[in-house]
Amino acid sequence: MTADDAVPQPVVLIDQDSDRDATIVQLSFGDRLGALLDTVCILLCRGCPFFGLALLRYALMIYKLQIFCIYKLLRRGVHCLQMKALKDLGLDVTKGSVATDSSVTQTKFHIMRLGRKVEDPDMLETIRLTIINNLLQYHPESSEKLAMGEFFGIKAPEKKVDVDVATHVIVQDDGPKRSMLYIETADRPGLLLEVIKIITDVNVDVESAEIDTEGLVAKDKFHVSYRGAKLNSSLSQVLVNCLRYYLRRPETDEDSY
């Protein structure tokens, strides 16, 4: 396989910090256009169909696709708009943009639910898995580059991430009223919900988050606080220990307990 044929690393980013009113979802998959178009469809099926088709036409114009391709991709967009399961998520896309950096095309969407940014952890994980599953469906070659490929794709990753090596948890001060929690670990379905449950179980509040899925690895950042203040050293250590233990637990031999 040549460098040009190599499957790029998919990246899905959910950003709760950059926009005060909306949740930002960003997707990149090298320069493969289908990821852009399918994601536009899957997200805009909860918003305005005319806006969705207009954005599709704009994206196609940018890449100067032929008339035949335009016809096929617009048909795909209409099909995606009718997918009832995704409409039930009740999301609105208020803004969309496309940017190219070197050979990587990045698509960005500002998403709201009931006029506000999406804050419910279950919905955030649903959005993340929806985008990844959609990528697996229309771009099955991404399966070998995503942890979800083992569960939902046609080909599991050839090399799995060693959870002990990949797991890093750090807490740092981020001003007098909050701390920044950094987590890097092997990705898996439901990871975001598991992490937030652990955080709340030790009575720490999550103020905002940035959920970054880079291929087989999840790299997440959380602004956290305890009773309106940053975490002290003792509570930080408790949180780090709990997260390290839980995130590494799937690789632990249960018979050893």
C-alpha atoms as a PDB file:
ATOM      1  CA  MET A   1       0.000   0.000   0.000  1.00  0.00           C
ATOM      2  CA  THR A   2       1.405   3.360  -0.999  1.00  0.00           C
ATOM      3  CA  ALA A   3       1.276   6.464   1.167  1.00  0.00           C
ATOM      4  CA  ASP A   4      -1.522   7.841  -1.031  1.00  0.00           C
ATOM      5  CA  ASP A   5      -3.571   4.660  -0.521  1.00  0.00           C
ATOM      6  CA  ALA A   6      -3.096   4.551   3.252  1.00  0.00           C
ATOM      7  CA  VAL A   7      -6.280   4.954   5.259  1.00  0.00           C
ATOM      8  CA  PRO A   8      -6.159   8.286   7.127  1.00  0.00           C
ATOM      9  CA  GLN A   9      -6.840   8.567  10.828  1.00  0.00           C
ATOM     10  CA  PRO A  10     -10.433   9.624  11.588  1.00  0.00           C
ATOM     11  CA  VAL A  11     -10.818  12.368  14.191  1.00  0.00           C
ATOM     12  CA  VAL A  12     -14.099  13.300  15.885  1.00  0.00           C
ATOM     13  CA  LEU A  13     -14.046  16.318  18.205  1.00  0.00           C
ATOM     14  CA  ILE A  14     -16.927  17.533  20.378  1.00  0.00           C
ATOM     15  CA  ASP A  15     -16.176  20.958  21.828  1.00  0.00           C
ATOM     16  CA  GLN A  16     -18.234  22.488  24.644  1.00  0.00           C
ATOM     17  CA  ASP A  17     -15.934  25.451  25.337  1.00  0.00           C
ATOM     18  CA  SER A  18     -15.409  27.471  22.166  1.00  0.00           C
ATOM     19  CA  ASP A  19     -19.019  28.583  21.633  1.00  0.00           C
ATOM     20  CA  ARG A  20     -21.106  29.906  24.504  1.00  0.00           C
ATOM     21  CA  ASP A  21     -24.437  28.831  23.013  1.00  0.00           C
ATOM     22  CA  ALA A  22     -23.729  25.791  20.834  1.00  0.00           C
ATOM     23  CA  THR A  23     -21.857  22.520  20.861  1.00  0.00           C
ATOM     24  CA  ILE A  24     -19.230  22.282  18.127  1.00  0.00           C
ATOM     25  CA  VAL A  25     -18.717  18.981  16.342  1.00  0.00           C
ATOM     26  CA  GLN A  26     -15.705  18.620  14.085  1.00  0.00           C
ATOM     27  CA  LEU A  27     -14.829  15.685  11.852  1.00  0.00           C
ATOM     28  CA  SER A  28     -11.813  14.958   9.698  1.00  0.00           C
ATOM     29  CA  PHE A  29     -10.928  11.871   7.663  1.00  0.00           C
ATOM     30  CA  GLY A  30      -8.031  12.858   5.467  1.00  0.00           C
ATOM     31  CA  ASP A  31      -9.273  14.221   2.157  1.00  0.00           C
ATOM     32  CA  ARG A  32     -12.095  11.710   1.681  1.00  0.00           C
ATOM     33  CA  LEU A  33     -15.162  13.691   0.739  1.00  0.00           C
ATOM     34  CA  GLY A  34     -17.749  11.150   1.724  1.00  0.00           C
ATOM     35  CA  ALA A  35     -17.107  11.771   5.401  1.00  0.00           C
ATOM     36  CA  LEU A  36     -18.099  15.401   4.913  1.00  0.00           C
ATOM     37  CA  LEU A  37     -21.225  14.714   2.917  1.00  0.00           C
ATOM     38  CA  ASP A  38     -22.515  11.837   5.012  1.00  0.00           C
ATOM     39  CA  THR A  39     -22.018  13.771   8.218  1.00  0.00           C
ATOM     40  CA  VAL A  40     -23.806  16.810   6.807  1.00  0.00           C
ATOM     41  CA  CYS A  41     -26.729  14.560   5.971  1.00  0.00           C
ATOM     42  CA  ILE A  42     -26.829  12.765   9.277  1.00  0.00           C
ATOM     43  CA  LEU A  43     -26.708  15.938  11.336  1.00  0.00           C
ATOM     44  CA  LEU A  44     -28.936  18.105   9.203  1.00  0.00           C
ATOM     45  CA  CYS A  45     -31.759  15.586   9.203  1.00  0.00           C
ATOM     46  CA  ARG A  46     -32.705  17.222  12.516  1.00  0.00           C
ATOM     47  CA  GLY A  47     -32.563  20.720  11.055  1.00  0.00           C
ATOM     48  CA  CYS A  48     -33.738  22.531   7.964  1.00  0.00           C
ATOM     49  CA  PRO A  49     -33.712  20.404   4.754  1.00  0.00           C
ATOM     50  CA  PHE A  50     -33.171  23.445   2.550  1.00  0.00           C
ATOM     51  CA  PHE A  51     -30.123  24.485   4.578  1.00  0.00           C
ATOM     52  CA  GLY A  52     -28.813  20.916   4.385  1.00  0.00           C
ATOM     53  CA  LEU A  53     -29.096  20.679   0.621  1.00  0.00           C
ATOM     54  CA  ALA A  54     -27.641  24.145   0.174  1.00  0.00           C
ATOM     55  CA  LEU A  55     -24.611  23.199   2.238  1.00  0.00           C
ATOM     56  CA  LEU A  56     -24.238  19.996   0.250  1.00  0.00           C
ATOM     57  CA  ARG A  57     -24.279  21.925  -3.014  1.00  0.00           C
ATOM     58  CA  TYR A  58     -21.745  24.369  -1.599  1.00  0.00           C
ATOM     59  CA  ALA A  59     -19.398  21.589  -0.535  1.00  0.00           C
ATOM     60  CA  LEU A  60     -19.714  19.910  -3.908  1.00  0.00           C
ATOM     61  CA  MET A  61     -19.008  23.169  -5.705  1.00  0.00           C
ATOM     62  CA  ILE A  62     -15.834  23.632  -3.679  1.00  0.00           C
ATOM     63  CA  TYR A  63     -14.488  20.294  -4.779  1.00  0.00           C
ATOM     64  CA  LYS A  64     -15.654  20.723  -8.396  1.00  0.00           C
ATOM     65  CA  LEU A  65     -17.348  17.337  -8.619  1.00  0.00           C
ATOM     66  CA  GLN A  66     -18.916  16.251 -11.884  1.00  0.00           C
ATOM     67  CA  ILE A  67     -22.669  16.441 -12.505  1.00  0.00           C
ATOM     68  CA  PHE A  68     -23.097  12.702 -12.062  1.00  0.00           C
ATOM     69  CA  CYS A  69     -21.453  12.813  -8.633  1.00  0.00           C
ATOM     70  CA  ILE A  70     -23.608  15.758  -7.611  1.00  0.00           C
ATOM     71  CA  TYR A  71     -26.736  13.826  -8.518  1.00  0.00           C
ATOM     72  CA  LYS A  72     -25.663  10.746  -6.561  1.00  0.00           C
ATOM     73  CA  LEU A  73     -24.578  12.652  -3.461  1.00  0.00           C
ATOM     74  CA  LEU A  74     -27.682  14.817  -3.339  1.00  0.00           C
ATOM     75  CA  ARG A  75     -29.775  11.663  -3.513  1.00  0.00           C
ATOM     76  CA  ARG A  76     -27.780  10.330  -0.585  1.00  0.00           C
ATOM     77  CA  GLY A  77     -28.454  13.591   1.293  1.00  0.00           C
ATOM     78  CA  VAL A  78     -32.209  13.312   0.755  1.00  0.00           C
ATOM     79  CA  HIS A  79     -32.092   9.719   1.956  1.00  0.00           C
ATOM     80  CA  CYS A  80     -30.225  10.711   5.121  1.00  0.00           C
ATOM     81  CA  LEU A  81     -32.717  13.486   5.815  1.00  0.00           C
ATOM     82  CA  GLN A  82     -35.469  10.879   6.050  1.00  0.00           C
ATOM     83  CA  MET A  83     -33.769   8.668   8.626  1.00  0.00           C
ATOM     84  CA  LYS A  84     -36.253   8.675  11.473  1.00  0.00           C
ATOM     85  CA  ALA A  85     -33.909   7.395  14.138  1.00  0.00           C
ATOM     86  CA  LEU A  86     -31.630  10.382  13.725  1.00  0.00           C
ATOM     87  CA  LYS A  87     -34.473  12.882  13.543  1.00  0.00           C
ATOM     88  CA  ASP A  88     -35.547  11.671  16.971  1.00  0.00           C
ATOM     89  CA  LEU A  89     -32.354  13.115  18.440  1.00  0.00           C
ATOM     90  CA  GLY A  90     -33.925  16.552  18.006  1.00  0.00           C
ATOM     91  CA  LEU A  91     -30.728  18.419  17.102  1.00  0.00           C
ATOM     92  CA  ASP A  92     -30.459  21.610  15.064  1.00  0.00           C
ATOM     93  CA  VAL A  93     -27.366  22.584  13.079  1.00  0.00           C
ATOM     94  CA  THR A  94     -27.072  26.369  13.220  1.00  0.00           C
ATOM     95  CA  LYS A  95     -23.802  26.747  11.329  1.00  0.00           C
ATOM     96  CA  GLY A  96     -21.523  24.624   9.140  1.00  0.00           C
ATOM     97  CA  SER A  97     -18.082  25.208   7.660  1.00  0.00           C
ATOM     98  CA  VAL A  98     -15.428  23.409   5.652  1.00  0.00           C
ATOM     99  CA  ALA A  99     -11.685  24.039   5.911  1.00  0.00           C
ATOM    100  CA  THR A 100      -8.665  22.333   4.361  1.00  0.00           C
ATOM    101  CA  ASP A 101      -5.307  22.179   6.083  1.00  0.00           C
ATOM    102  CA  SER A 102      -2.653  20.494   3.931  1.00  0.00           C
ATOM    103  CA  SER A 103      -4.294  17.232   2.838  1.00  0.00           C
ATOM    104  CA  VAL A 104      -6.846  17.109   5.663  1.00  0.00           C
ATOM    105  CA  THR A 105     -10.388  18.404   5.179  1.00  0.00           C
ATOM    106  CA  GLN A 106     -12.115  19.427   8.394  1.00  0.00           C
ATOM    107  CA  THR A 107     -15.857  19.891   8.684  1.00  0.00           C
ATOM    108  CA  LYS A 108     -17.316  21.798  11.599  1.00  0.00           C
ATOM    109  CA  PHE A 109     -20.909  22.074  12.795  1.00  0.00           C
ATOM    110  CA  HIS A 110     -22.492  24.168  15.539  1.00  0.00           C
ATOM    111  CA  ILE A 111     -25.244  22.087  17.111  1.00  0.00           C
ATOM    112  CA  MET A 112     -28.049  23.038  19.479  1.00  0.00           C
ATOM    113  CA  ARG A 113     -30.880  21.228  21.163  1.00  0.00           C
ATOM    114  CA  LEU A 114     -33.986  23.132  22.241  1.00  0.00           C
ATOM    115  CA  GLY A 115     -32.124  26.377  21.639  1.00  0.00           C
ATOM    116  CA  ARG A 116     -29.144  25.499  23.842  1.00  0.00           C
ATOM    117  CA  LYS A 117     -25.840  23.688  23.582  1.00  0.00           C
ATOM    118  CA  VAL A 118     -25.990  19.954  24.201  1.00  0.00           C
ATOM    119  CA  GLU A 119     -25.036  19.251  27.810  1.00  0.00           C
ATOM    120  CA  ASP A 120     -26.580  15.854  28.503  1.00  0.00           C
ATOM    121  CA  PRO A 121     -23.776  13.230  28.606  1.00  0.00           C
ATOM    122  CA  ASP A 122     -26.011  10.563  27.105  1.00  0.00           C
ATOM    123  CA  MET A 123     -26.777  12.784  24.123  1.00  0.00           C
ATOM    124  CA  LEU A 124     -23.116  13.752  23.687  1.00  0.00           C
ATOM    125  CA  GLU A 125     -22.143  10.085  23.579  1.00  0.00           C
ATOM    126  CA  THR A 126     -25.018   9.414  21.184  1.00  0.00           C
ATOM    127  CA  ILE A 127     -23.736  12.166  18.877  1.00  0.00           C
ATOM    128  CA  ARG A 128     -20.204  10.768  19.030  1.00  0.00           C
ATOM    129  CA  LEU A 129     -21.296   7.210  18.272  1.00  0.00           C
ATOM    130  CA  THR A 130     -23.708   8.384  15.556  1.00  0.00           C
ATOM    131  CA  ILE A 131     -20.910  10.150  13.698  1.00  0.00           C
ATOM    132  CA  ILE A 132     -18.533   7.201  14.094  1.00  0.00           C
ATOM    133  CA  ASN A 133     -21.169   4.649  13.039  1.00  0.00           C
ATOM    134  CA  ASN A 134     -22.050   6.781  10.038  1.00  0.00           C
ATOM    135  CA  LEU A 135     -18.387   6.942   9.079  1.00  0.00           C
ATOM    136  CA  LEU A 136     -18.136   3.153   9.388  1.00  0.00           C
ATOM    137  CA  GLN A 137     -21.231   2.703   7.234  1.00  0.00           C
ATOM    138  CA  TYR A 138     -20.227   4.925   4.321  1.00  0.00           C
ATOM    139  CA  HIS A 139     -16.470   4.484   4.656  1.00  0.00           C
ATOM    140  CA  PRO A 140     -15.885   0.899   5.796  1.00  0.00           C
ATOM    141  CA  GLU A 141     -12.161   1.367   5.265  1.00  0.00           C
ATOM    142  CA  SER A 142     -12.188   3.532   8.424  1.00  0.00           C
ATOM    143  CA  SER A 143     -13.043   0.408  10.448  1.00  0.00           C
ATOM    144  CA  GLU A 144      -9.405  -0.600  10.887  1.00  0.00           C
ATOM    145  CA  LYS A 145      -8.566   2.871  12.226  1.00  0.00           C
ATOM    146  CA  LEU A 146     -11.329   3.117  14.838  1.00  0.00           C
ATOM    147  CA  ALA A 147     -11.800   1.265  18.098  1.00  0.00           C
ATOM    148  CA  MET A 148     -15.496   1.045  17.201  1.00  0.00           C
ATOM    149  CA  GLY A 149     -14.479  -0.965  14.141  1.00  0.00           C
ATOM    150  CA  GLU A 150     -14.123  -3.978  16.404  1.00  0.00           C
ATOM    151  CA  PHE A 151     -17.743  -3.670  17.506  1.00  0.00           C
ATOM    152  CA  PHE A 152     -19.553  -2.164  14.516  1.00  0.00           C
ATOM    153  CA  GLY A 153     -17.188  -2.260  11.540  1.00  0.00           C
ATOM    154  CA  ILE A 154     -16.260  -4.807   8.899  1.00  0.00           C
ATOM    155  CA  LYS A 155     -12.649  -5.107  10.014  1.00  0.00           C
ATOM    156  CA  ALA A 156     -11.280  -4.803  13.511  1.00  0.00           C
ATOM    157  CA  PRO A 157      -8.064  -2.825  14.029  1.00  0.00           C
ATOM    158  CA  GLU A 158      -5.021  -5.015  13.469  1.00  0.00           C
ATOM    159  CA  LYS A 159      -3.209  -3.494  16.431  1.00  0.00           C
ATOM    160  CA  LYS A 160      -5.107  -2.835  19.625  1.00  0.00           C
ATOM    161  CA  VAL A 161      -4.105  -0.128  22.049  1.00  0.00           C
ATOM    162  CA  ASP A 162      -2.521  -1.366  25.282  1.00  0.00           C
ATOM    163  CA  VAL A 163      -4.850   0.215  27.816  1.00  0.00           C
ATOM    164  CA  ASP A 164      -2.175   0.306  30.529  1.00  0.00           C
ATOM    165  CA  VAL A 165       0.278   2.115  28.278  1.00  0.00           C
ATOM    166  CA  ALA A 166      -2.295   4.406  26.670  1.00  0.00           C
ATOM    167  CA  THR A 167      -4.064   5.548  29.836  1.00  0.00           C
ATOM    168  CA  HIS A 168      -2.964   8.902  31.240  1.00  0.00           C
ATOM    169  CA  VAL A 169      -4.936  10.974  33.761  1.00  0.00           C
ATOM    170  CA  ILE A 170      -3.790  14.427  34.885  1.00  0.00           C
ATOM    171  CA  VAL A 171      -5.455  17.163  36.951  1.00  0.00           C
ATOM    172  CA  GLN A 172      -4.137  20.727  36.766  1.00  0.00           C
ATOM    173  CA  ASP A 173      -5.310  24.047  38.187  1.00  0.00           C
ATOM    174  CA  ASP A 174      -7.206  26.233  35.740  1.00  0.00           C
ATOM    175  CA  GLY A 175      -7.772  29.318  37.838  1.00  0.00           C
ATOM    176  CA  PRO A 176      -9.121  29.631  41.396  1.00  0.00           C
ATOM    177  CA  LYS A 177     -12.559  28.245  40.635  1.00  0.00           C
ATOM    178  CA  ARG A 178     -11.929  25.190  38.499  1.00  0.00           C
ATOM    179  CA  SER A 179      -9.441  22.530  37.481  1.00  0.00           C
ATOM    180  CA  MET A 180      -8.638  20.915  34.149  1.00  0.00           C
ATOM    181  CA  LEU A 181      -8.863  17.130  33.950  1.00  0.00           C
ATOM    182  CA  TYR A 182      -6.991  15.491  31.061  1.00  0.00           C
ATOM    183  CA  ILE A 183      -7.774  11.889  30.129  1.00  0.00           C
ATOM    184  CA  GLU A 184      -6.160   9.825  27.397  1.00  0.00           C
ATOM    185  CA  THR A 185      -7.088   6.175  27.043  1.00  0.00           C
ATOM    186  CA  ALA A 186      -8.158   3.461  24.611  1.00  0.00           C
ATOM    187  CA  ASP A 187     -11.520   4.304  23.089  1.00  0.00           C
ATOM    188  CA  ARG A 188     -14.586   2.096  23.489  1.00  0.00           C
ATOM    189  CA  PRO A 189     -18.377   2.462  23.302  1.00  0.00           C
ATOM    190  CA  GLY A 190     -19.852   4.283  26.273  1.00  0.00           C
ATOM    191  CA  LEU A 191     -16.507   5.636  27.443  1.00  0.00           C
ATOM    192  CA  LEU A 192     -17.756   9.197  27.932  1.00  0.00           C
ATOM    193  CA  LEU A 193     -20.635   8.079  30.153  1.00  0.00           C
ATOM    194  CA  GLU A 194     -18.322   5.877  32.206  1.00  0.00           C
ATOM    195  CA  VAL A 195     -15.864   8.723  32.772  1.00  0.00           C
ATOM    196  CA  ILE A 196     -18.535  11.242  33.789  1.00  0.00           C
ATOM    197  CA  LYS A 197     -20.077   8.725  36.197  1.00  0.00           C
ATOM    198  CA  ILE A 198     -16.729   8.233  37.922  1.00  0.00           C
ATOM    199  CA  ILE A 199     -16.231  11.995  38.178  1.00  0.00           C
ATOM    200  CA  THR A 200     -19.681  12.606  39.671  1.00  0.00           C
ATOM    201  CA  ASP A 201     -19.346   9.606  42.019  1.00  0.00           C
ATOM    202  CA  VAL A 202     -16.560  11.451  43.844  1.00  0.00           C
ATOM    203  CA  ASN A 203     -18.793  14.568  44.046  1.00  0.00           C
ATOM    204  CA  VAL A 204     -16.878  16.539  41.433  1.00  0.00           C
ATOM    205  CA  ASP A 205     -18.872  18.762  39.061  1.00  0.00           C
ATOM    206  CA  VAL A 206     -18.244  18.797  35.299  1.00  0.00           C
ATOM    207  CA  GLU A 207     -18.614  22.328  33.930  1.00  0.00           C
ATOM    208  CA  SER A 208     -17.648  21.709  30.306  1.00  0.00           C
ATOM    209  CA  ALA A 209     -15.814  19.208  28.160  1.00  0.00           C
ATOM    210  CA  GLU A 210     -13.904  18.626  24.953  1.00  0.00           C
ATOM    211  CA  ILE A 211     -14.293  15.050  23.709  1.00  0.00           C
ATOM    212  CA  ASP A 212     -11.668  14.101  21.154  1.00  0.00           C
ATOM    213  CA  THR A 213     -11.655  10.703  19.429  1.00  0.00           C
ATOM    214  CA  GLU A 214      -8.455  10.206  17.442  1.00  0.00           C
ATOM    215  CA  GLY A 215      -8.570   6.823  15.787  1.00  0.00           C
ATOM    216  CA  LEU A 216      -8.159   4.196  18.512  1.00  0.00           C
ATOM    217  CA  VAL A 217      -7.555   6.680  21.317  1.00  0.00           C
ATOM    218  CA  ALA A 218      -9.849   9.021  23.256  1.00  0.00           C
ATOM    219  CA  LYS A 219      -8.304  12.315  24.397  1.00  0.00           C
ATOM    220  CA  ASP A 220     -10.745  14.197  26.598  1.00  0.00           C
ATOM    221  CA  LYS A 221     -10.548  17.414  28.622  1.00  0.00           C
ATOM    222  CA  PHE A 222     -12.987  18.375  31.364  1.00  0.00           C
ATOM    223  CA  HIS A 223     -13.323  21.599  33.326  1.00  0.00           C
ATOM    224  CA  VAL A 224     -14.206  20.372  36.815  1.00  0.00           C
ATOM    225  CA  SER A 225     -14.815  21.926  40.217  1.00  0.00           C
ATOM    226  CA  TYR A 226     -15.791  21.024  43.756  1.00  0.00           C
ATOM    227  CA  ARG A 227     -18.315  23.264  45.485  1.00  0.00           C
ATOM    228  CA  GLY A 228     -17.467  26.140  43.161  1.00  0.00           C
ATOM    229  CA  ALA A 229     -13.693  25.903  43.606  1.00  0.00           C
ATOM    230  CA  LYS A 230     -10.753  24.106  42.058  1.00  0.00           C
ATOM    231  CA  LEU A 231      -9.900  20.635  43.302  1.00  0.00           C
ATOM    232  CA  ASN A 232      -7.401  20.428  46.149  1.00  0.00           C
ATOM    233  CA  SER A 233      -4.483  17.999  45.929  1.00  0.00           C
ATOM    234  CA  SER A 234      -6.190  15.269  47.949  1.00  0.00           C
ATOM    235  CA  LEU A 235      -9.364  15.247  45.896  1.00  0.00           C
ATOM    236  CA  SER A 236      -7.352  15.463  42.664  1.00  0.00           C
ATOM    237  CA  GLN A 237      -5.419  12.353  43.659  1.00  0.00           C
ATOM    238  CA  VAL A 238      -8.610  10.472  44.548  1.00  0.00           C
ATOM    239  CA  LEU A 239     -10.100  11.339  41.175  1.00  0.00           C
ATOM    240  CA  VAL A 240      -6.958  10.352  39.284  1.00  0.00           C
ATOM    241  CA  ASN A 241      -6.703   7.023  41.151  1.00  0.00           C
ATOM    242  CA  CYS A 242     -10.362   6.165  40.524  1.00  0.00           C
ATOM    243  CA  LEU A 243     -10.129   6.958  36.829  1.00  0.00           C
ATOM    244  CA  ARG A 244      -6.859   5.076  36.336  1.00  0.00           C
ATOM    245  CA  TYR A 245      -8.226   2.017  38.084  1.00  0.00           C
ATOM    246  CA  TYR A 246     -11.503   1.974  36.189  1.00  0.00           C
ATOM    247  CA  LEU A 247     -10.093   2.762  32.757  1.00  0.00           C
ATOM    248  CA  ARG A 248      -7.491   0.006  33.044  1.00  0.00           C
ATOM    249  CA  ARG A 249      -9.927  -2.493  34.562  1.00  0.00           C
ATOM    250  CA  PRO A 250     -11.118  -4.136  31.287  1.00  0.00           C
ATOM    251  CA  GLU A 251      -7.608  -5.571  30.837  1.00  0.00           C
ATOM    252  CA  THR A 252      -7.379  -6.779  34.428  1.00  0.00           C
ATOM    253  CA  ASP A 253      -7.806 -10.432  35.279  1.00  0.00           C
ATOM    254  CA  GLU A 254     -10.941 -10.595  37.393  1.00  0.00           C
ATOM    255  CA  ASP A 255      -9.759 -13.839  39.020  1.00  0.00           C
ATOM    256  CA  SER A 256      -7.005 -11.881  40.738  1.00  0.00           C
ATOM    257  CA  TYR A 257      -9.506 -10.227  43.072  1.00  0.00           C
END
